[in-house]
PDB file of N, CA and C in Angstrom:
ATOM      1  N   MET A   1       0.843  -1.186   0.000  1.00  0.00           N
ATOM      2  CA  MET A   1       0.000   0.000   0.000  1.00  0.00           C
ATOM      3  C   MET A   1       0.883   1.242   0.000  1.00  0.00           C
ATOM      4  N   ILE A   2       0.429   2.252  -0.640  1.00  0.00           N
ATOM      5  CA  ILE A   2       1.161   3.513  -0.733  1.00  0.00           C
ATOM      6  C   ILE A   2       0.528   4.502   0.242  1.00  0.00           C
ATOM      7  N   SER A   3       1.359   5.147   1.034  1.00  0.00           N
ATOM      8  CA  SER A   3       0.850   6.095   2.029  1.00  0.00           C
ATOM      9  C   SER A   3       0.282   7.345   1.354  1.00  0.00           C
ATOM     10  N   GLU A   4      -0.528   8.062   2.103  1.00  0.00           N
ATOM     11  CA  GLU A   4      -1.101   9.315   1.595  1.00  0.00           C
ATOM     12  C   GLU A   4       0.008  10.312   1.257  1.00  0.00           C
ATOM     13  N   LYS A   5       1.040  10.354   2.104  1.00  0.00           N
ATOM     14  CA  LYS A   5       2.161  11.268   1.878  1.00  0.00           C
ATOM     15  C   LYS A   5       2.884  10.925   0.572  1.00  0.00           C
ATOM     16  N   ALA A   6       3.144   9.628   0.367  1.00  0.00           N
ATOM     17  CA  ALA A   6       3.825   9.193  -0.858  1.00  0.00           C
ATOM     18  C   ALA A   6       2.973   9.497  -2.090  1.00  0.00           C
ATOM     19  N   LEU A   7       1.674   9.292  -1.972  1.00  0.00           N
ATOM     20  CA  LEU A   7       0.769   9.575  -3.087  1.00  0.00           C
ATOM     21  C   LEU A   7       0.770  11.064  -3.416  1.00  0.00           C
ATOM     22  N   LYS A   8       0.757  11.887  -2.386  1.00  0.00           N
ATOM     23  CA  LYS A   8       0.794  13.338  -2.585  1.00  0.00           C
ATOM     24  C   LYS A   8       2.100  13.747  -3.272  1.00  0.00           C
ATOM     25  N   GLU A   9       3.217  13.180  -2.816  1.00  0.00           N
ATOM     26  CA  GLU A   9       4.514  13.483  -3.436  1.00  0.00           C
ATOM     27  C   GLU A   9       4.540  13.034  -4.891  1.00  0.00           C
ATOM     28  N   PHE A  10       3.972  11.863  -5.163  1.00  0.00           N
ATOM     29  CA  PHE A  10       3.916  11.361  -6.533  1.00  0.00           C
ATOM     30  C   PHE A  10       3.130  12.319  -7.421  1.00  0.00           C
ATOM     31  N   LYS A  11       1.999  12.802  -6.914  1.00  0.00           N
ATOM     32  CA  LYS A  11       1.179  13.739  -7.681  1.00  0.00           C
ATOM     33  C   LYS A  11       1.916  15.054  -7.933  1.00  0.00           C
ATOM     34  N   GLU A  12       2.681  15.516  -6.956  1.00  0.00           N
ATOM     35  CA  GLU A  12       3.463  16.745  -7.125  1.00  0.00           C
ATOM     36  C   GLU A  12       4.541  16.560  -8.188  1.00  0.00           C
ATOM     37  N   ILE A  13       5.223  15.430  -8.148  1.00  0.00           N
ATOM     38  CA  ILE A  13       6.256  15.141  -9.150  1.00  0.00           C
ATOM     39  C   ILE A  13       5.625  15.034 -10.535  1.00  0.00           C
ATOM     40  N   TRP A  14       4.478  14.372 -10.610  1.00  0.00           N
ATOM     41  CA  TRP A  14       3.770  14.229 -11.893  1.00  0.00           C
ATOM     42  C   TRP A  14       3.447  15.605 -12.479  1.00  0.00           C
ATOM     43  N   LYS A  15       2.952  16.492 -11.618  1.00  0.00           N
ATOM     44  CA  LYS A  15       2.595  17.835 -12.083  1.00  0.00           C
ATOM     45  C   LYS A  15       3.832  18.588 -12.564  1.00  0.00           C
ATOM     46  N   GLU A  16       4.940  18.470 -11.838  1.00  0.00           N
ATOM     47  CA  GLU A  16       6.186  19.132 -12.245  1.00  0.00           C
ATOM     48  C   GLU A  16       6.687  18.594 -13.579  1.00  0.00           C
ATOM     49  N   GLU A  17       6.602  17.288 -13.763  1.00  0.00           N
ATOM     50  CA  GLU A  17       7.134  16.654 -14.974  1.00  0.00           C
ATOM     51  C   GLU A  17       6.227  16.803 -16.190  1.00  0.00           C
ATOM     52  N   PHE A  18       4.923  16.682 -15.981  1.00  0.00           N
ATOM     53  CA  PHE A  18       3.991  16.644 -17.106  1.00  0.00           C
ATOM     54  C   PHE A  18       3.069  17.856 -17.194  1.00  0.00           C
ATOM     55  N   GLY A  19       3.105  18.720 -16.177  1.00  0.00           N
ATOM     56  CA  GLY A  19       2.301  19.934 -16.206  1.00  0.00           C
ATOM     57  C   GLY A  19       0.811  19.722 -16.068  1.00  0.00           C
ATOM     58  N   GLU A  20       0.411  18.605 -15.497  1.00  0.00           N
ATOM     59  CA  GLU A  20      -1.015  18.347 -15.316  1.00  0.00           C
ATOM     60  C   GLU A  20      -1.274  17.697 -13.960  1.00  0.00           C
ATOM     61  N   GLU A  21      -2.425  17.993 -13.416  1.00  0.00           N
ATOM     62  CA  GLU A  21      -2.835  17.365 -12.164  1.00  0.00           C
ATOM     63  C   GLU A  21      -3.595  16.090 -12.490  1.00  0.00           C
ATOM     64  N   ILE A  22      -3.398  15.077 -11.660  1.00  0.00           N
ATOM     65  CA  ILE A  22      -4.091  13.809 -11.872  1.00  0.00           C
ATOM     66  C   ILE A  22      -4.857  13.441 -10.601  1.00  0.00           C
ATOM     67  N   SER A  23      -5.841  12.589 -10.782  1.00  0.00           N
ATOM     68  CA  SER A  23      -6.662  12.142  -9.648  1.00  0.00           C
ATOM     69  C   SER A  23      -5.856  11.199  -8.759  1.00  0.00           C
ATOM     70  N   ASP A  24      -6.355  11.018  -7.544  1.00  0.00           N
ATOM     71  CA  ASP A  24      -5.714  10.068  -6.634  1.00  0.00           C
ATOM     72  C   ASP A  24      -5.715   8.663  -7.235  1.00  0.00           C
ATOM     73  N   GLU A  25      -6.810   8.308  -7.887  1.00  0.00           N
ATOM     74  CA  GLU A  25      -6.930   6.976  -8.485  1.00  0.00           C
ATOM     75  C   GLU A  25      -5.869   6.754  -9.564  1.00  0.00           C
ATOM     76  N   LEU A  26      -5.712   7.722 -10.461  1.00  0.00           N
ATOM     77  CA  LEU A  26      -4.715   7.598 -11.521  1.00  0.00           C
ATOM     78  C   LEU A  26      -3.301   7.640 -10.946  1.00  0.00           C
ATOM     79  N   ALA A  27      -3.088   8.481  -9.944  1.00  0.00           N
ATOM     80  CA  ALA A  27      -1.775   8.556  -9.302  1.00  0.00           C
ATOM     81  C   ALA A  27      -1.425   7.224  -8.653  1.00  0.00           C
ATOM     82  N   LEU A  28      -2.373   6.625  -7.963  1.00  0.00           N
ATOM     83  CA  LEU A  28      -2.144   5.340  -7.309  1.00  0.00           C
ATOM     84  C   LEU A  28      -1.830   4.260  -8.334  1.00  0.00           C
ATOM     85  N   GLU A  29      -2.590   4.241  -9.410  1.00  0.00           N
ATOM     86  CA  GLU A  29      -2.375   3.259 -10.473  1.00  0.00           C
ATOM     87  C   GLU A  29      -0.972   3.396 -11.071  1.00  0.00           C
ATOM     88  N   ASN A  30      -0.568   4.629 -11.373  1.00  0.00           N
ATOM     89  CA  ASN A  30       0.747   4.854 -11.968  1.00  0.00           C
ATOM     90  C   ASN A  30       1.880   4.620 -10.975  1.00  0.00           C
ATOM     91  N   ALA A  31       1.679   4.975  -9.721  1.00  0.00           N
ATOM     92  CA  ALA A  31       2.702   4.749  -8.703  1.00  0.00           C
ATOM     93  C   ALA A  31       2.934   3.255  -8.502  1.00  0.00           C
ATOM     94  N   ILE A  32       1.862   2.489  -8.445  1.00  0.00           N
ATOM     95  CA  ILE A  32       1.990   1.036  -8.294  1.00  0.00           C
ATOM     96  C   ILE A  32       2.679   0.432  -9.510  1.00  0.00           C
ATOM     97  N   ALA A  33       2.334   0.906 -10.701  1.00  0.00           N
ATOM     98  CA  ALA A  33       2.980   0.417 -11.923  1.00  0.00           C
ATOM     99  C   ALA A  33       4.478   0.713 -11.895  1.00  0.00           C
ATOM    100  N   LEU A  34       4.847   1.909 -11.454  1.00  0.00           N
ATOM    101  CA  LEU A  34       6.257   2.280 -11.373  1.00  0.00           C
ATOM    102  C   LEU A  34       6.993   1.421 -10.349  1.00  0.00           C
ATOM    103  N   LEU A  35       6.397   1.225  -9.187  1.00  0.00           N
ATOM    104  CA  LEU A  35       7.019   0.390  -8.158  1.00  0.00           C
ATOM    105  C   LEU A  35       7.160  -1.057  -8.621  1.00  0.00           C
ATOM    106  N   THR A  36       6.150  -1.561  -9.316  1.00  0.00           N
ATOM    107  CA  THR A  36       6.203  -2.929  -9.836  1.00  0.00           C
ATOM    108  C   THR A  36       7.313  -3.072 -10.864  1.00  0.00           C
ATOM    109  N   LEU A  37       7.407  -2.126 -11.775  1.00  0.00           N
ATOM    110  CA  LEU A  37       8.458  -2.151 -12.788  1.00  0.00           C
ATOM    111  C   LEU A  37       9.841  -2.097 -12.145  1.00  0.00           C
ATOM    112  N   THR A  38      10.002  -1.228 -11.158  1.00  0.00           N
ATOM    113  CA  THR A  38      11.279  -1.111 -10.460  1.00  0.00           C
ATOM    114  C   THR A  38      11.615  -2.412  -9.747  1.00  0.00           C
ATOM    115  N   ASP A  39      10.641  -3.005  -9.088  1.00  0.00           N
ATOM    116  CA  ASP A  39      10.862  -4.256  -8.363  1.00  0.00           C
ATOM    117  C   ASP A  39      11.274  -5.384  -9.302  1.00  0.00           C
ATOM    118  N   ILE A  40      10.642  -5.447 -10.467  1.00  0.00           N
ATOM    119  CA  ILE A  40      10.943  -6.504 -11.430  1.00  0.00           C
ATOM    120  C   ILE A  40      12.299  -6.298 -12.094  1.00  0.00           C
ATOM    121  N   SER A  41      12.612  -5.064 -12.440  1.00  0.00           N
ATOM    122  CA  SER A  41      13.805  -4.803 -13.253  1.00  0.00           C
ATOM    123  C   SER A  41      15.071  -4.542 -12.459  1.00  0.00           C
ATOM    124  N   TYR A  42      14.967  -4.096 -11.220  1.00  0.00           N
ATOM    125  CA  TYR A  42      16.166  -3.748 -10.465  1.00  0.00           C
ATOM    126  C   TYR A  42      16.743  -4.967  -9.777  1.00  0.00           C
ATOM    127  N   ARG A  43      17.985  -5.227 -10.054  1.00  0.00           N
ATOM    128  CA  ARG A  43      18.745  -6.258  -9.366  1.00  0.00           C
ATOM    129  C   ARG A  43      20.146  -5.708  -9.150  1.00  0.00           C
ATOM    130  N   PRO A  44      20.675  -5.847  -7.938  1.00  0.00           N
ATOM    131  CA  PRO A  44      22.044  -5.370  -7.705  1.00  0.00           C
ATOM    132  C   PRO A  44      23.022  -6.069  -8.653  1.00  0.00           C
ATOM    133  N   VAL A  45      24.013  -5.333  -9.097  1.00  0.00           N
ATOM    134  CA  VAL A  45      25.021  -5.869 -10.006  1.00  0.00           C
ATOM    135  C   VAL A  45      26.090  -6.574  -9.184  1.00  0.00           C
ATOM    136  N   LYS A  46      26.360  -7.812  -9.522  1.00  0.00           N
ATOM    137  CA  LYS A  46      27.392  -8.565  -8.824  1.00  0.00           C
ATOM    138  C   LYS A  46      28.759  -8.130  -9.332  1.00  0.00           C
ATOM    139  N   LYS A  47      29.729  -8.130  -8.427  1.00  0.00           N
ATOM    140  CA  LYS A  47      31.085  -7.715  -8.779  1.00  0.00           C
ATOM    141  C   LYS A  47      31.616  -8.545  -9.946  1.00  0.00           C
ATOM    142  N   MET A  48      31.356  -9.844  -9.931  1.00  0.00           N
ATOM    143  CA  MET A  48      31.894 -10.706 -10.993  1.00  0.00           C
ATOM    144  C   MET A  48      31.301 -10.360 -12.357  1.00  0.00           C
ATOM    145  N   TRP A  49      30.088  -9.798 -12.395  1.00  0.00           N
ATOM    146  CA  TRP A  49      29.494  -9.407 -13.670  1.00  0.00           C
ATOM    147  C   TRP A  49      30.232  -8.226 -14.285  1.00  0.00           C
ATOM    148  N   LEU A  50      30.820  -7.397 -13.435  1.00  0.00           N
ATOM    149  CA  LEU A  50      31.512  -6.209 -13.921  1.00  0.00           C
ATOM    150  C   LEU A  50      32.937  -6.495 -14.378  1.00  0.00           C
ATOM    151  N   GLU A  51      33.498  -7.590 -13.918  1.00  0.00           N
ATOM    152  CA  GLU A  51      34.874  -7.911 -14.286  1.00  0.00           C
ATOM    153  C   GLU A  51      34.976  -8.060 -15.797  1.00  0.00           C
ATOM    154  N   GLY A  52      35.960  -7.426 -16.360  1.00  0.00           N
ATOM    155  CA  GLY A  52      36.149  -7.437 -17.798  1.00  0.00           C
ATOM    156  C   GLY A  52      35.445  -6.281 -18.494  1.00  0.00           C
ATOM    157  N   ILE A  53      34.497  -5.654 -17.813  1.00  0.00           N
ATOM    158  CA  ILE A  53      33.793  -4.508 -18.380  1.00  0.00           C
ATOM    159  C   ILE A  53      34.334  -3.217 -17.791  1.00  0.00           C
ATOM    160  N   VAL A  54      34.477  -3.211 -16.474  1.00  0.00           N
ATOM    161  CA  VAL A  54      34.976  -2.040 -15.760  1.00  0.00           C
ATOM    162  C   VAL A  54      36.387  -2.360 -15.278  1.00  0.00           C
ATOM    163  N   PRO A  55      37.348  -1.456 -15.505  1.00  0.00           N
ATOM    164  CA  PRO A  55      38.716  -1.721 -15.042  1.00  0.00           C
ATOM    165  C   PRO A  55      38.755  -2.030 -13.545  1.00  0.00           C
ATOM    166  N   ASN A  56      39.625  -2.956 -13.148  1.00  0.00           N
ATOM    167  CA  ASN A  56      39.705  -3.394 -11.753  1.00  0.00           C
ATOM    168  C   ASN A  56      39.965  -2.254 -10.785  1.00  0.00           C
ATOM    169  N   GLU A  57      40.756  -1.251 -11.195  1.00  0.00           N
ATOM    170  CA  GLU A  57      41.042  -0.150 -10.269  1.00  0.00           C
ATOM    171  C   GLU A  57      39.780   0.664  -9.962  1.00  0.00           C
ATOM    172  N   VAL A  58      38.867   0.746 -10.917  1.00  0.00           N
ATOM    173  CA  VAL A  58      37.598   1.434 -10.674  1.00  0.00           C
ATOM    174  C   VAL A  58      36.768   0.632  -9.675  1.00  0.00           C
ATOM    175  N   LEU A  59      36.711  -0.682  -9.868  1.00  0.00           N
ATOM    176  CA  LEU A  59      35.989  -1.538  -8.929  1.00  0.00           C
ATOM    177  C   LEU A  59      36.588  -1.445  -7.539  1.00  0.00           C
ATOM    178  N   TYR A  60      37.900  -1.465  -7.460  1.00  0.00           N
ATOM    179  CA  TYR A  60      38.573  -1.404  -6.160  1.00  0.00           C
ATOM    180  C   TYR A  60      38.205  -0.119  -5.434  1.00  0.00           C
ATOM    181  N   LYS A  61      38.274   1.002  -6.136  1.00  0.00           N
ATOM    182  CA  LYS A  61      37.941   2.289  -5.513  1.00  0.00           C
ATOM    183  C   LYS A  61      36.482   2.319  -5.071  1.00  0.00           C
ATOM    184  N   ARG A  62      35.602   1.803  -5.904  1.00  0.00           N
ATOM    185  CA  ARG A  62      34.177   1.826  -5.599  1.00  0.00           C
ATOM    186  C   ARG A  62      33.868   0.982  -4.363  1.00  0.00           C
ATOM    187  N   TYR A  63      34.428  -0.224  -4.298  1.00  0.00           N
ATOM    188  CA  TYR A  63      34.092  -1.118  -3.193  1.00  0.00           C
ATOM    189  C   TYR A  63      34.826  -0.773  -1.908  1.00  0.00           C
ATOM    190  N   THR A  64      35.981  -0.164  -1.990  1.00  0.00           N
ATOM    191  CA  THR A  64      36.682   0.223  -0.763  1.00  0.00           C
ATOM    192  C   THR A  64      36.124   1.513  -0.197  1.00  0.00           C
ATOM    193  N   SER A  65      35.562   2.368  -1.035  1.00  0.00           N
ATOM    194  CA  SER A  65      35.005   3.629  -0.534  1.00  0.00           C
ATOM    195  C   SER A  65      33.632   3.432   0.095  1.00  0.00           C
ATOM    196  N   GLU A  66      32.945   2.332  -0.227  1.00  0.00           N
ATOM    197  CA  GLU A  66      31.614   2.074   0.322  1.00  0.00           C
ATOM    198  C   GLU A  66      31.669   1.536   1.742  1.00  0.00           C
ATOM    199  N   LYS A  67      32.780   0.993   2.149  1.00  0.00           N
ATOM    200  CA  LYS A  67      32.874   0.361   3.478  1.00  0.00           C
ATOM    201  C   LYS A  67      33.254   1.320   4.551  1.00  0.00           C
TER     202      LYS A  67
END
């Protein structure tokens, strides 16, 4: 479920991006669709997947700076 605050923020962002106000029903429908798409498509990238694509020194800096 999406909170009232999150729905309000979604509607504000929608208005800023598209210049139109939308109903709570349409906002809820689009917010759920966006969350579903993000949930399905987002997966953390494994370090081994990046090997050979990103130079090792870049990986080293990235992973040592996160800790």
